[in-house]
Amino acid sequence: MSVRHHTKLFTWLVQHSAITYLLMVALFLIFGLLSLDLVKYVSANANYLADYGLDALWDGGLVQLIELIVTSFFAVFAYLGFKLCEHALVERAAHHKHTDE
């Protein structure tokens, strides 16, 4: 038998479904914008660094690679936030007690 332990944030998200939905949409859009063509840019940067070596590093290739990695971290953060909101909405839909008052 497992015991559920929810964080205050998750509980708040479950209780405020309209705000959670809007946040989920915003995070989805952020994830989409940040990850758009990310694989293509990382691949192009890696090829540039492989072809030109140290000259490419000093010519901005390293800075661009770091920027791409940071963008990837933000994209993953947005995706995880999206999934948290999704889970909160599913939790509310599955376990919310509806009262007819």
N, C-alpha and C. Protein backbone atom coordinates (compact mmCIF):
# COMPACT_ATOMS: atom_id res chain seq x y z
N MET A 1 0.85 -1.17 0.00
CA MET A 1 0.00 0.00 0.00
C MET A 1 0.89 1.23 0.00
N SER A 2 0.69 2.10 -0.98
CA SER A 2 1.51 3.31 -1.06
C SER A 2 0.76 4.51 -0.49
N VAL A 3 1.51 5.38 0.12
CA VAL A 3 0.94 6.59 0.69
C VAL A 3 1.35 7.75 -0.21
N ARG A 4 0.38 8.56 -0.59
CA ARG A 4 0.68 9.69 -1.46
C ARG A 4 1.10 10.89 -0.62
N HIS A 5 2.18 11.51 -1.05
CA HIS A 5 2.66 12.74 -0.43
C HIS A 5 2.72 13.79 -1.52
N HIS A 6 1.85 14.76 -1.45
CA HIS A 6 1.83 15.82 -2.45
C HIS A 6 2.46 17.07 -1.89
N THR A 7 3.19 17.78 -2.75
CA THR A 7 3.77 19.05 -2.34
C THR A 7 2.68 20.11 -2.27
N LYS A 8 3.00 21.20 -1.62
CA LYS A 8 2.04 22.32 -1.54
C LYS A 8 1.73 22.85 -2.93
N LEU A 9 2.76 22.89 -3.80
CA LEU A 9 2.55 23.37 -5.16
C LEU A 9 1.57 22.47 -5.91
N PHE A 10 1.77 21.17 -5.81
CA PHE A 10 0.89 20.24 -6.51
C PHE A 10 -0.54 20.35 -5.99
N THR A 11 -0.69 20.43 -4.68
CA THR A 11 -2.03 20.58 -4.09
C THR A 11 -2.68 21.86 -4.59
N TRP A 12 -1.91 22.94 -4.66
CA TRP A 12 -2.44 24.21 -5.14
C TRP A 12 -2.87 24.09 -6.61
N LEU A 13 -2.06 23.43 -7.41
CA LEU A 13 -2.39 23.24 -8.82
C LEU A 13 -3.67 22.42 -8.99
N VAL A 14 -3.84 21.40 -8.16
CA VAL A 14 -5.06 20.58 -8.22
C VAL A 14 -6.28 21.43 -7.86
N GLN A 15 -6.13 22.30 -6.89
CA GLN A 15 -7.26 23.12 -6.42
C GLN A 15 -7.62 24.25 -7.38
N HIS A 16 -6.70 24.68 -8.20
CA HIS A 16 -6.93 25.82 -9.10
C HIS A 16 -6.77 25.36 -10.56
N SER A 17 -7.76 24.62 -11.02
CA SER A 17 -7.64 23.98 -12.33
C SER A 17 -7.59 24.97 -13.49
N ALA A 18 -8.30 26.08 -13.42
CA ALA A 18 -8.28 27.04 -14.53
C ALA A 18 -6.89 27.67 -14.68
N ILE A 19 -6.29 28.05 -13.58
CA ILE A 19 -4.95 28.63 -13.61
C ILE A 19 -3.94 27.57 -14.04
N THR A 20 -4.12 26.36 -13.56
CA THR A 20 -3.23 25.26 -13.93
C THR A 20 -3.29 25.02 -15.43
N TYR A 21 -4.48 25.06 -16.00
CA TYR A 21 -4.63 24.85 -17.44
C TYR A 21 -3.92 25.96 -18.22
N LEU A 22 -4.10 27.21 -17.81
CA LEU A 22 -3.44 28.32 -18.50
C LEU A 22 -1.92 28.22 -18.38
N LEU A 23 -1.44 27.83 -17.21
CA LEU A 23 0.00 27.63 -17.01
C LEU A 23 0.51 26.50 -17.90
N MET A 24 -0.27 25.44 -18.00
CA MET A 24 0.12 24.30 -18.83
C MET A 24 0.23 24.72 -20.30
N VAL A 25 -0.70 25.52 -20.78
CA VAL A 25 -0.66 26.00 -22.16
C VAL A 25 0.57 26.88 -22.38
N ALA A 26 0.85 27.78 -21.43
CA ALA A 26 2.02 28.66 -21.55
C ALA A 26 3.32 27.85 -21.57
N LEU A 27 3.43 26.86 -20.70
CA LEU A 27 4.63 26.03 -20.65
C LEU A 27 4.78 25.19 -21.92
N PHE A 28 3.66 24.74 -22.46
CA PHE A 28 3.70 23.99 -23.73
C PHE A 28 4.25 24.87 -24.85
N LEU A 29 3.78 26.12 -24.91
CA LEU A 29 4.25 27.04 -25.95
C LEU A 29 5.74 27.36 -25.76
N ILE A 30 6.15 27.57 -24.52
CA ILE A 30 7.56 27.84 -24.23
C ILE A 30 8.42 26.66 -24.64
N PHE A 31 7.99 25.45 -24.27
CA PHE A 31 8.73 24.25 -24.66
C PHE A 31 8.84 24.15 -26.18
N GLY A 32 7.74 24.37 -26.86
CA GLY A 32 7.75 24.28 -28.32
C GLY A 32 8.69 25.29 -28.95
N LEU A 33 8.66 26.52 -28.46
CA LEU A 33 9.53 27.55 -29.03
C LEU A 33 11.00 27.27 -28.74
N LEU A 34 11.29 26.82 -27.52
CA LEU A 34 12.69 26.56 -27.16
C LEU A 34 13.26 25.33 -27.85
N SER A 35 12.42 24.35 -28.11
CA SER A 35 12.94 23.12 -28.70
C SER A 35 12.83 23.08 -30.22
N LEU A 36 12.22 24.10 -30.80
CA LEU A 36 12.07 24.16 -32.25
C LEU A 36 13.45 24.18 -32.91
N ASP A 37 13.72 23.23 -33.74
CA ASP A 37 14.99 23.10 -34.49
C ASP A 37 16.22 22.96 -33.59
N LEU A 38 16.03 22.63 -32.33
CA LEU A 38 17.17 22.51 -31.41
C LEU A 38 18.13 21.42 -31.84
N VAL A 39 17.62 20.30 -32.27
CA VAL A 39 18.48 19.19 -32.70
C VAL A 39 19.30 19.61 -33.92
N LYS A 40 18.66 20.31 -34.83
CA LYS A 40 19.36 20.78 -36.03
C LYS A 40 20.50 21.74 -35.67
N TYR A 41 20.24 22.66 -34.73
CA TYR A 41 21.27 23.63 -34.33
C TYR A 41 22.41 22.97 -33.57
N VAL A 42 22.09 22.05 -32.69
CA VAL A 42 23.14 21.34 -31.96
C VAL A 42 24.00 20.52 -32.93
N SER A 43 23.37 19.87 -33.87
CA SER A 43 24.10 19.08 -34.85
C SER A 43 25.00 19.97 -35.71
N ALA A 44 24.47 21.10 -36.16
CA ALA A 44 25.28 22.02 -36.97
C ALA A 44 26.45 22.57 -36.17
N ASN A 45 26.22 22.89 -34.90
CA ASN A 45 27.29 23.40 -34.05
C ASN A 45 28.35 22.33 -33.82
N ALA A 46 27.94 21.11 -33.57
CA ALA A 46 28.89 20.01 -33.36
C ALA A 46 29.72 19.76 -34.61
N ASN A 47 29.08 19.81 -35.78
CA ASN A 47 29.82 19.64 -37.04
C ASN A 47 30.81 20.77 -37.24
N TYR A 48 30.40 22.00 -36.92
CA TYR A 48 31.28 23.17 -37.05
C TYR A 48 32.50 23.01 -36.14
N LEU A 49 32.25 22.60 -34.89
CA LEU A 49 33.36 22.42 -33.95
C LEU A 49 34.27 21.27 -34.39
N ALA A 50 33.69 20.20 -34.92
CA ALA A 50 34.48 19.06 -35.36
C ALA A 50 35.31 19.40 -36.60
N ASP A 51 34.75 20.19 -37.50
CA ASP A 51 35.45 20.53 -38.74
C ASP A 51 36.59 21.53 -38.53
N TYR A 52 36.38 22.51 -37.64
CA TYR A 52 37.34 23.60 -37.52
C TYR A 52 38.11 23.64 -36.20
N GLY A 53 37.80 22.72 -35.30
CA GLY A 53 38.57 22.55 -34.07
C GLY A 53 38.66 23.79 -33.20
N LEU A 54 39.88 24.09 -32.74
CA LEU A 54 40.10 25.21 -31.81
C LEU A 54 39.73 26.55 -32.41
N ASP A 55 39.92 26.71 -33.71
CA ASP A 55 39.53 27.97 -34.35
C ASP A 55 38.03 28.22 -34.18
N ALA A 56 37.24 27.17 -34.28
CA ALA A 56 35.79 27.30 -34.11
C ALA A 56 35.44 27.68 -32.67
N LEU A 57 36.19 27.14 -31.71
CA LEU A 57 35.94 27.48 -30.30
C LEU A 57 36.13 28.96 -30.07
N TRP A 58 37.23 29.50 -30.58
CA TRP A 58 37.54 30.91 -30.35
C TRP A 58 36.68 31.82 -31.21
N ASP A 59 36.09 31.29 -32.25
CA ASP A 59 35.27 32.08 -33.16
C ASP A 59 33.80 32.10 -32.73
N GLY A 60 33.49 31.63 -31.55
CA GLY A 60 32.13 31.69 -31.04
C GLY A 60 31.41 30.36 -30.98
N GLY A 61 32.03 29.31 -31.44
CA GLY A 61 31.38 28.00 -31.42
C GLY A 61 31.12 27.48 -30.03
N LEU A 62 32.05 27.73 -29.11
CA LEU A 62 31.86 27.28 -27.73
C LEU A 62 30.74 28.05 -27.05
N VAL A 63 30.69 29.36 -27.27
CA VAL A 63 29.63 30.19 -26.69
C VAL A 63 28.27 29.73 -27.21
N GLN A 64 28.21 29.45 -28.50
CA GLN A 64 26.96 28.99 -29.08
C GLN A 64 26.56 27.63 -28.51
N LEU A 65 27.52 26.74 -28.33
CA LEU A 65 27.22 25.44 -27.75
C LEU A 65 26.68 25.58 -26.33
N ILE A 66 27.28 26.45 -25.54
CA ILE A 66 26.80 26.70 -24.17
C ILE A 66 25.39 27.27 -24.20
N GLU A 67 25.13 28.20 -25.12
CA GLU A 67 23.78 28.76 -25.24
C GLU A 67 22.76 27.68 -25.61
N LEU A 68 23.14 26.77 -26.48
CA LEU A 68 22.24 25.68 -26.87
C LEU A 68 21.97 24.74 -25.69
N ILE A 69 22.99 24.48 -24.89
CA ILE A 69 22.81 23.62 -23.72
C ILE A 69 21.89 24.29 -22.70
N VAL A 70 22.09 25.58 -22.47
CA VAL A 70 21.22 26.32 -21.53
C VAL A 70 19.78 26.34 -22.05
N THR A 71 19.62 26.56 -23.34
CA THR A 71 18.28 26.52 -23.94
C THR A 71 17.64 25.15 -23.75
N SER A 72 18.44 24.10 -23.88
CA SER A 72 17.93 22.74 -23.67
C SER A 72 17.44 22.55 -22.24
N PHE A 73 18.20 23.08 -21.27
CA PHE A 73 17.78 22.97 -19.87
C PHE A 73 16.45 23.69 -19.64
N PHE A 74 16.29 24.88 -20.21
CA PHE A 74 15.03 25.61 -20.06
C PHE A 74 13.88 24.88 -20.75
N ALA A 75 14.15 24.27 -21.89
CA ALA A 75 13.12 23.51 -22.59
C ALA A 75 12.66 22.31 -21.74
N VAL A 76 13.62 21.62 -21.14
CA VAL A 76 13.27 20.47 -20.28
C VAL A 76 12.49 20.96 -19.05
N PHE A 77 12.90 22.09 -18.48
CA PHE A 77 12.18 22.65 -17.33
C PHE A 77 10.73 22.97 -17.72
N ALA A 78 10.53 23.57 -18.90
CA ALA A 78 9.18 23.87 -19.36
C ALA A 78 8.38 22.59 -19.57
N TYR A 79 9.02 21.55 -20.11
CA TYR A 79 8.34 20.27 -20.33
C TYR A 79 7.93 19.63 -18.99
N LEU A 80 8.83 19.67 -18.02
CA LEU A 80 8.50 19.10 -16.71
C LEU A 80 7.37 19.87 -16.04
N GLY A 81 7.37 21.20 -16.19
CA GLY A 81 6.28 22.01 -15.66
C GLY A 81 4.96 21.66 -16.34
N PHE A 82 5.01 21.47 -17.65
CA PHE A 82 3.83 21.05 -18.39
C PHE A 82 3.30 19.73 -17.87
N LYS A 83 4.20 18.76 -17.67
CA LYS A 83 3.78 17.44 -17.18
C LYS A 83 3.21 17.53 -15.76
N LEU A 84 3.77 18.39 -14.92
CA LEU A 84 3.24 18.58 -13.57
C LEU A 84 1.82 19.11 -13.63
N CYS A 85 1.60 20.11 -14.48
CA CYS A 85 0.25 20.65 -14.63
C CYS A 85 -0.71 19.60 -15.18
N GLU A 86 -0.24 18.83 -16.15
CA GLU A 86 -1.06 17.77 -16.71
C GLU A 86 -1.45 16.76 -15.62
N HIS A 87 -0.48 16.37 -14.82
CA HIS A 87 -0.74 15.40 -13.75
C HIS A 87 -1.74 15.98 -12.73
N ALA A 88 -1.60 17.25 -12.41
CA ALA A 88 -2.53 17.88 -11.46
C ALA A 88 -3.95 17.90 -12.01
N LEU A 89 -4.09 18.19 -13.29
CA LEU A 89 -5.43 18.20 -13.89
C LEU A 89 -6.03 16.81 -13.96
N VAL A 90 -5.21 15.81 -14.27
CA VAL A 90 -5.70 14.43 -14.30
C VAL A 90 -6.08 14.00 -12.88
N GLU A 91 -5.27 14.35 -11.91
CA GLU A 91 -5.58 14.04 -10.50
C GLU A 91 -6.92 14.64 -10.10
N ARG A 92 -7.13 15.89 -10.46
CA ARG A 92 -8.39 16.55 -10.12
C ARG A 92 -9.56 15.86 -10.82
N ALA A 93 -9.40 15.53 -12.09
CA ALA A 93 -10.49 14.90 -12.84
C ALA A 93 -10.79 13.51 -12.30
N ALA A 94 -9.78 12.80 -11.88
CA ALA A 94 -9.96 11.41 -11.43
C ALA A 94 -10.46 11.30 -10.01
N HIS A 95 -10.04 12.23 -9.15
CA HIS A 95 -10.31 12.07 -7.73
C HIS A 95 -11.09 13.20 -7.08
N HIS A 96 -11.47 14.20 -7.83
CA HIS A 96 -12.20 15.34 -7.26
C HIS A 96 -13.62 14.91 -6.92
N LYS A 97 -14.01 15.22 -5.72
CA LYS A 97 -15.38 14.89 -5.29
C LYS A 97 -16.29 16.05 -5.69
N HIS A 98 -17.25 15.74 -6.56
CA HIS A 98 -18.19 16.76 -7.01
C HIS A 98 -19.37 16.80 -6.06
N THR A 99 -19.71 18.00 -5.64
CA THR A 99 -20.86 18.15 -4.76
C THR A 99 -21.94 18.94 -5.50
N ASP A 100 -23.15 18.47 -5.40
CA ASP A 100 -24.28 19.16 -6.03
C ASP A 100 -24.96 20.00 -4.97
N GLU A 101 -24.60 21.28 -4.98
CA GLU A 101 -25.20 22.19 -3.98
C GLU A 101 -26.11 23.17 -4.67
